[in-house]
Amino acid sequence: MTELASPRPIRLPATVIEGAGLAKRYGRVPVLRGIDLAVKAGRVTAILGPNGAGKSTLIRLLLGLARPDAGSVTVAGVAVGSDPAYRAGIGYMPQHPQFPENLTGREVVRLLRDLRGHGAPEDAELFESFGLGAELDQPVRTLSGGTKQKLNAAVAFMFRPRILILDEPTAGLDPVASRVLKTRILAARRAGVTVLLVSHVLSELEELADDVVFLLDGVVEFQGSVRRLNELTGESRLEQAVARLMQRKAS
């Protein structure tokens, strides 16, 4: 497969996402318990943890879709909650996209283009690499799960974001489409894009992730490079290293 072209280089502060004492509860249930977070620019950071660890809540706080009960978070130097304009520099791929079912894929793209403004630079590479041609003229409700996921990925990259937040990005993709997307993620990293990647497929993260933030019961149990995690646990593979962390916590 021919490697996809890298997007134009992007410059960001050395630490592009910082959280300090982030806490969040829903009712009486604490979800995040005063965590500190530092995400380096131009790297792929995997947000890991079992179900209920607080990963989704953390992403919602970064996007300004929820407010912390305590603590603060900044993205590209902007305090989240002060000015929503910072989100224009983020490409977000949710685990379950909620596109208007009555619109066609092409109308969804047009709607997003109108919301962003026609002057925003665009990148149609994934639309082409995924072969999203005639399918874009079909109503979203008639698209297969895999095709919706391709559309989900393509629009996340569409406006050449400085930061990508990808939640279970290869779920529902066939092996060829999955490889196309992973190649595109690596190309974005080489161009200086900061990528936050949430996935339960640790073998997938093995080839993509530079750094790891491991959440357990709303607490950061580990934050650092994949290499450091492997050294700390004495394991050579990410999956075994994460399992070792969980075993140590349980013992």
Protein backbone atom coordinates (compact mmCIF):
# COMPACT_ATOMS: atom_id res chain seq x y z
CA MET A 1 0.00 0.00 0.00
CA THR A 2 1.33 3.43 -0.87
CA GLU A 3 1.92 5.52 2.23
CA LEU A 4 -0.41 8.45 2.60
CA ALA A 5 1.07 11.92 2.33
CA SER A 6 1.78 13.72 5.60
CA PRO A 7 -0.22 16.86 6.35
CA ARG A 8 1.61 20.15 6.72
CA PRO A 9 3.80 20.55 9.84
CA ILE A 10 2.11 21.98 12.93
CA ARG A 11 3.69 23.78 15.88
CA LEU A 12 2.19 23.60 19.37
CA PRO A 13 3.49 24.22 22.91
CA ALA A 14 5.64 21.37 24.28
CA THR A 15 2.78 20.34 26.58
CA VAL A 16 -0.45 20.87 24.70
CA ILE A 17 -2.98 19.52 27.22
CA GLU A 18 -2.63 20.05 30.96
CA GLY A 19 -5.00 19.05 33.72
CA ALA A 20 -4.54 19.87 37.40
CA GLY A 21 -6.58 18.28 40.18
CA LEU A 22 -9.42 17.30 37.86
CA ALA A 23 -12.35 15.86 39.76
CA LYS A 24 -15.81 14.91 38.54
CA ARG A 25 -18.69 13.05 40.08
CA TYR A 26 -22.13 12.16 38.84
CA GLY A 27 -24.51 12.26 41.76
CA ARG A 28 -22.72 10.50 44.60
CA VAL A 29 -20.45 8.51 42.30
CA PRO A 30 -16.91 9.92 41.90
CA VAL A 31 -15.60 9.35 38.37
CA LEU A 32 -12.36 11.36 38.39
CA ARG A 33 -10.56 11.84 41.70
CA GLY A 34 -8.29 14.83 41.38
CA ILE A 35 -6.08 13.73 38.50
CA ASP A 36 -3.14 15.58 36.98
CA LEU A 37 -2.51 15.23 33.26
CA ALA A 38 0.19 16.38 30.84
CA VAL A 39 -0.01 15.51 27.15
CA LYS A 40 3.04 16.25 25.01
CA ALA A 41 2.66 17.85 21.60
CA GLY A 42 3.32 15.88 18.44
CA ARG A 43 2.94 12.48 20.07
CA VAL A 44 0.28 9.77 20.24
CA THR A 45 -0.97 9.38 23.81
CA ALA A 46 -3.13 6.37 24.62
CA ILE A 47 -5.78 6.84 27.31
CA LEU A 48 -6.19 3.39 28.82
CA GLY A 49 -8.22 1.81 31.57
CA PRO A 50 -11.05 -0.65 32.18
CA ASN A 51 -14.69 0.27 31.76
CA GLY A 52 -15.70 2.84 34.35
CA ALA A 53 -12.14 4.12 34.84
CA GLY A 54 -13.07 7.67 33.78
CA LYS A 55 -11.76 7.77 30.19
CA SER A 56 -14.96 9.06 28.59
CA THR A 57 -15.46 11.64 31.31
CA LEU A 58 -11.91 12.91 30.82
CA ILE A 59 -12.53 13.33 27.08
CA ARG A 60 -15.76 15.22 27.77
CA LEU A 61 -13.88 17.59 30.07
CA LEU A 62 -11.21 18.22 27.44
CA LEU A 63 -13.87 19.04 24.86
CA GLY A 64 -15.80 21.30 27.21
CA LEU A 65 -18.84 19.03 27.06
CA ALA A 66 -18.77 18.70 30.86
CA ARG A 67 -17.37 20.87 33.62
CA PRO A 68 -15.08 19.57 36.37
CA ASP A 69 -16.26 19.79 39.95
CA ALA A 70 -12.71 20.73 40.91
CA GLY A 71 -9.44 21.45 39.14
CA SER A 72 -8.69 22.96 35.76
CA VAL A 73 -7.66 21.95 32.26
CA THR A 74 -6.01 23.86 29.43
CA VAL A 75 -5.81 22.89 25.76
CA ALA A 76 -3.17 24.61 23.61
CA GLY A 77 -2.79 27.21 26.34
CA VAL A 78 -6.51 28.02 26.54
CA ALA A 79 -8.40 27.35 29.77
CA VAL A 80 -11.33 25.08 28.93
CA GLY A 81 -14.52 26.90 29.76
CA SER A 82 -13.17 30.38 29.01
CA ASP A 83 -13.37 30.46 25.20
CA PRO A 84 -14.88 27.64 23.09
CA ALA A 85 -12.92 28.79 20.02
CA TYR A 86 -10.07 26.40 20.95
CA ARG A 87 -12.24 23.52 19.75
CA ALA A 88 -11.78 24.67 16.15
CA GLY A 89 -8.29 23.17 16.38
CA ILE A 90 -9.55 19.75 17.49
CA GLY A 91 -10.67 16.85 15.32
CA TYR A 92 -12.96 14.59 17.37
CA MET A 93 -13.94 11.07 16.41
CA PRO A 94 -16.50 9.79 18.95
CA GLN A 95 -16.99 6.10 19.54
CA HIS A 96 -20.64 6.35 18.46
CA PRO A 97 -21.15 9.15 15.90
CA GLN A 98 -24.54 10.86 15.96
CA PHE A 99 -24.97 12.13 12.42
CA PRO A 100 -28.44 13.34 11.37
CA GLU A 101 -30.01 10.15 9.99
CA ASN A 102 -32.09 11.93 7.36
CA LEU A 103 -29.08 13.62 5.72
CA THR A 104 -26.78 12.03 3.18
CA GLY A 105 -23.09 11.72 3.95
CA ARG A 106 -22.38 14.55 1.54
CA GLU A 107 -24.94 16.75 3.28
CA VAL A 108 -23.28 15.98 6.62
CA VAL A 109 -19.96 17.16 5.18
CA ARG A 110 -21.61 20.29 3.81
CA LEU A 111 -23.22 20.99 7.19
CA LEU A 112 -19.89 20.69 8.97
CA ARG A 113 -18.26 22.91 6.36
CA ASP A 114 -20.92 25.56 6.96
CA LEU A 115 -20.41 25.35 10.73
CA ARG A 116 -16.64 25.72 10.39
CA GLY A 117 -16.74 28.40 7.75
CA HIS A 118 -15.76 28.01 4.12
CA GLY A 119 -12.36 29.58 4.67
CA ALA A 120 -11.14 26.65 6.80
CA PRO A 121 -8.47 24.51 5.04
CA GLU A 122 -9.71 21.04 4.23
CA ASP A 123 -8.19 17.59 3.81
CA ALA A 124 -10.19 15.09 1.75
CA GLU A 125 -7.52 12.39 1.80
CA LEU A 126 -9.40 9.90 3.98
CA PHE A 127 -12.60 10.28 1.94
CA GLU A 128 -10.59 9.18 -1.09
CA SER A 129 -8.54 6.49 0.68
CA PHE A 130 -11.68 4.92 2.15
CA GLY A 131 -13.39 5.00 -1.25
CA LEU A 132 -16.26 7.09 0.07
CA GLY A 133 -17.73 8.09 -3.25
CA ALA A 134 -21.26 7.06 -4.18
CA GLU A 135 -21.92 6.09 -0.54
CA LEU A 136 -21.81 9.78 0.41
CA ASP A 137 -24.99 10.30 -1.60
CA GLN A 138 -26.93 7.82 0.52
CA PRO A 139 -28.86 8.78 3.67
CA VAL A 140 -26.83 8.13 6.81
CA ARG A 141 -29.54 5.81 8.13
CA THR A 142 -28.90 3.40 5.24
CA LEU A 143 -25.12 3.22 5.70
CA SER A 144 -23.48 0.20 7.25
CA GLY A 145 -21.75 0.54 10.59
CA GLY A 146 -18.35 0.33 8.92
CA THR A 147 -19.20 3.05 6.42
CA LYS A 148 -20.48 5.34 9.18
CA GLN A 149 -17.20 4.79 10.99
CA LYS A 150 -15.24 5.72 7.85
CA LEU A 151 -17.28 8.92 7.57
CA ASN A 152 -16.67 9.53 11.27
CA ALA A 153 -12.90 9.25 10.78
CA ALA A 154 -12.83 11.29 7.57
CA VAL A 155 -14.61 14.28 9.11
CA ALA A 156 -12.35 14.17 12.19
CA PHE A 157 -9.34 14.76 9.93
CA MET A 158 -11.17 16.98 7.47
CA PHE A 159 -10.23 20.41 8.82
CA ARG A 160 -6.52 19.68 9.40
CA PRO A 161 -6.76 19.78 13.22
CA ARG A 162 -3.78 20.47 15.47
CA ILE A 163 -5.16 17.97 17.99
CA LEU A 164 -6.99 14.70 17.29
CA ILE A 165 -9.12 12.93 19.89
CA LEU A 166 -10.04 9.47 18.61
CA ASP A 167 -12.32 7.21 20.66
CA GLU A 168 -12.15 3.54 19.59
CA PRO A 169 -11.32 4.68 16.03
CA THR A 170 -11.01 1.27 14.34
CA ALA A 171 -14.14 -0.27 15.87
CA GLY A 172 -16.27 -1.65 13.03
CA LEU A 173 -13.62 -1.11 10.35
CA ASP A 174 -12.47 -3.94 8.11
CA PRO A 175 -8.70 -4.73 8.12
CA VAL A 176 -7.99 -2.66 5.01
CA ALA A 177 -9.82 0.43 6.30
CA SER A 178 -8.22 -0.05 9.71
CA ARG A 179 -4.76 -0.03 8.14
CA VAL A 180 -5.61 3.10 6.12
CA LEU A 181 -6.66 4.91 9.29
CA LYS A 182 -3.64 3.81 11.33
CA THR A 183 -1.31 4.92 8.52
CA ARG A 184 -3.05 8.29 8.51
CA ILE A 185 -2.65 8.63 12.28
CA LEU A 186 1.08 7.99 12.03
CA ALA A 187 1.36 10.51 9.17
CA ALA A 188 -0.41 13.10 11.33
CA ARG A 189 2.00 12.46 14.18
CA ARG A 190 5.00 12.95 11.89
CA ALA A 191 3.54 16.34 10.93
CA GLY A 192 3.37 17.38 14.58
CA VAL A 193 -0.31 16.70 15.28
CA THR A 194 -1.07 15.70 18.87
CA VAL A 195 -3.21 12.55 19.05
CA LEU A 196 -5.22 11.26 22.01
CA LEU A 197 -6.29 7.71 21.36
CA VAL A 198 -8.79 5.71 23.41
CA SER A 199 -8.92 2.03 22.53
CA HIS A 200 -9.39 -1.36 24.16
CA VAL A 201 -7.35 -3.01 21.38
CA LEU A 202 -3.94 -2.94 23.01
CA SER A 203 -2.25 -4.68 20.08
CA GLU A 204 -3.38 -1.73 17.97
CA LEU A 205 -1.94 0.77 20.42
CA GLU A 206 1.37 -1.08 20.41
CA GLU A 207 2.18 0.27 16.95
CA LEU A 208 0.66 3.73 17.44
CA ALA A 209 1.24 4.99 20.96
CA ASP A 210 4.26 6.91 22.22
CA ASP A 211 2.85 7.63 25.68
CA VAL A 212 0.27 6.12 28.01
CA VAL A 213 -2.12 7.54 30.59
CA PHE A 214 -3.56 4.61 32.53
CA LEU A 215 -6.69 5.35 34.55
CA LEU A 216 -8.09 3.08 37.23
CA ASP A 217 -11.06 4.01 39.43
CA GLY A 218 -10.71 7.66 38.47
CA VAL A 219 -7.02 7.88 39.40
CA VAL A 220 -3.96 8.07 37.13
CA GLU A 221 -2.01 4.91 37.96
CA PHE A 222 0.66 5.55 35.33
CA GLN A 223 1.61 8.38 33.02
CA GLY A 224 4.66 8.27 30.78
CA SER A 225 6.16 6.70 27.69
CA VAL A 226 5.37 3.17 26.54
CA ARG A 227 9.06 2.38 26.92
CA ARG A 228 9.01 3.54 30.55
CA LEU A 229 5.91 1.45 31.26
CA ASN A 230 7.58 -1.63 29.83
CA GLU A 231 10.70 -0.99 31.91
CA LEU A 232 8.63 -0.44 35.06
CA THR A 233 6.68 -3.66 34.67
CA GLY A 234 9.46 -5.77 33.17
CA GLU A 235 7.29 -6.58 30.16
CA SER A 236 8.09 -6.14 26.49
CA ARG A 237 4.51 -5.81 25.21
CA LEU A 238 1.96 -3.15 26.08
CA GLU A 239 -0.84 -5.62 26.75
CA GLN A 240 1.21 -7.54 29.30
CA ALA A 241 2.51 -4.32 30.86
CA VAL A 242 -1.02 -2.99 31.41
CA ALA A 243 -2.11 -6.36 32.84
CA ARG A 244 0.83 -6.23 35.24
CA LEU A 245 -0.21 -2.74 36.41
CA MET A 246 -3.72 -3.97 37.14
CA GLN A 247 -2.41 -7.00 39.00
CA ARG A 248 -0.20 -4.83 41.20
CA LYS A 249 -3.15 -2.59 42.02
CA ALA A 250 -5.32 -5.58 42.92
CA SER A 251 -2.70 -7.17 45.18
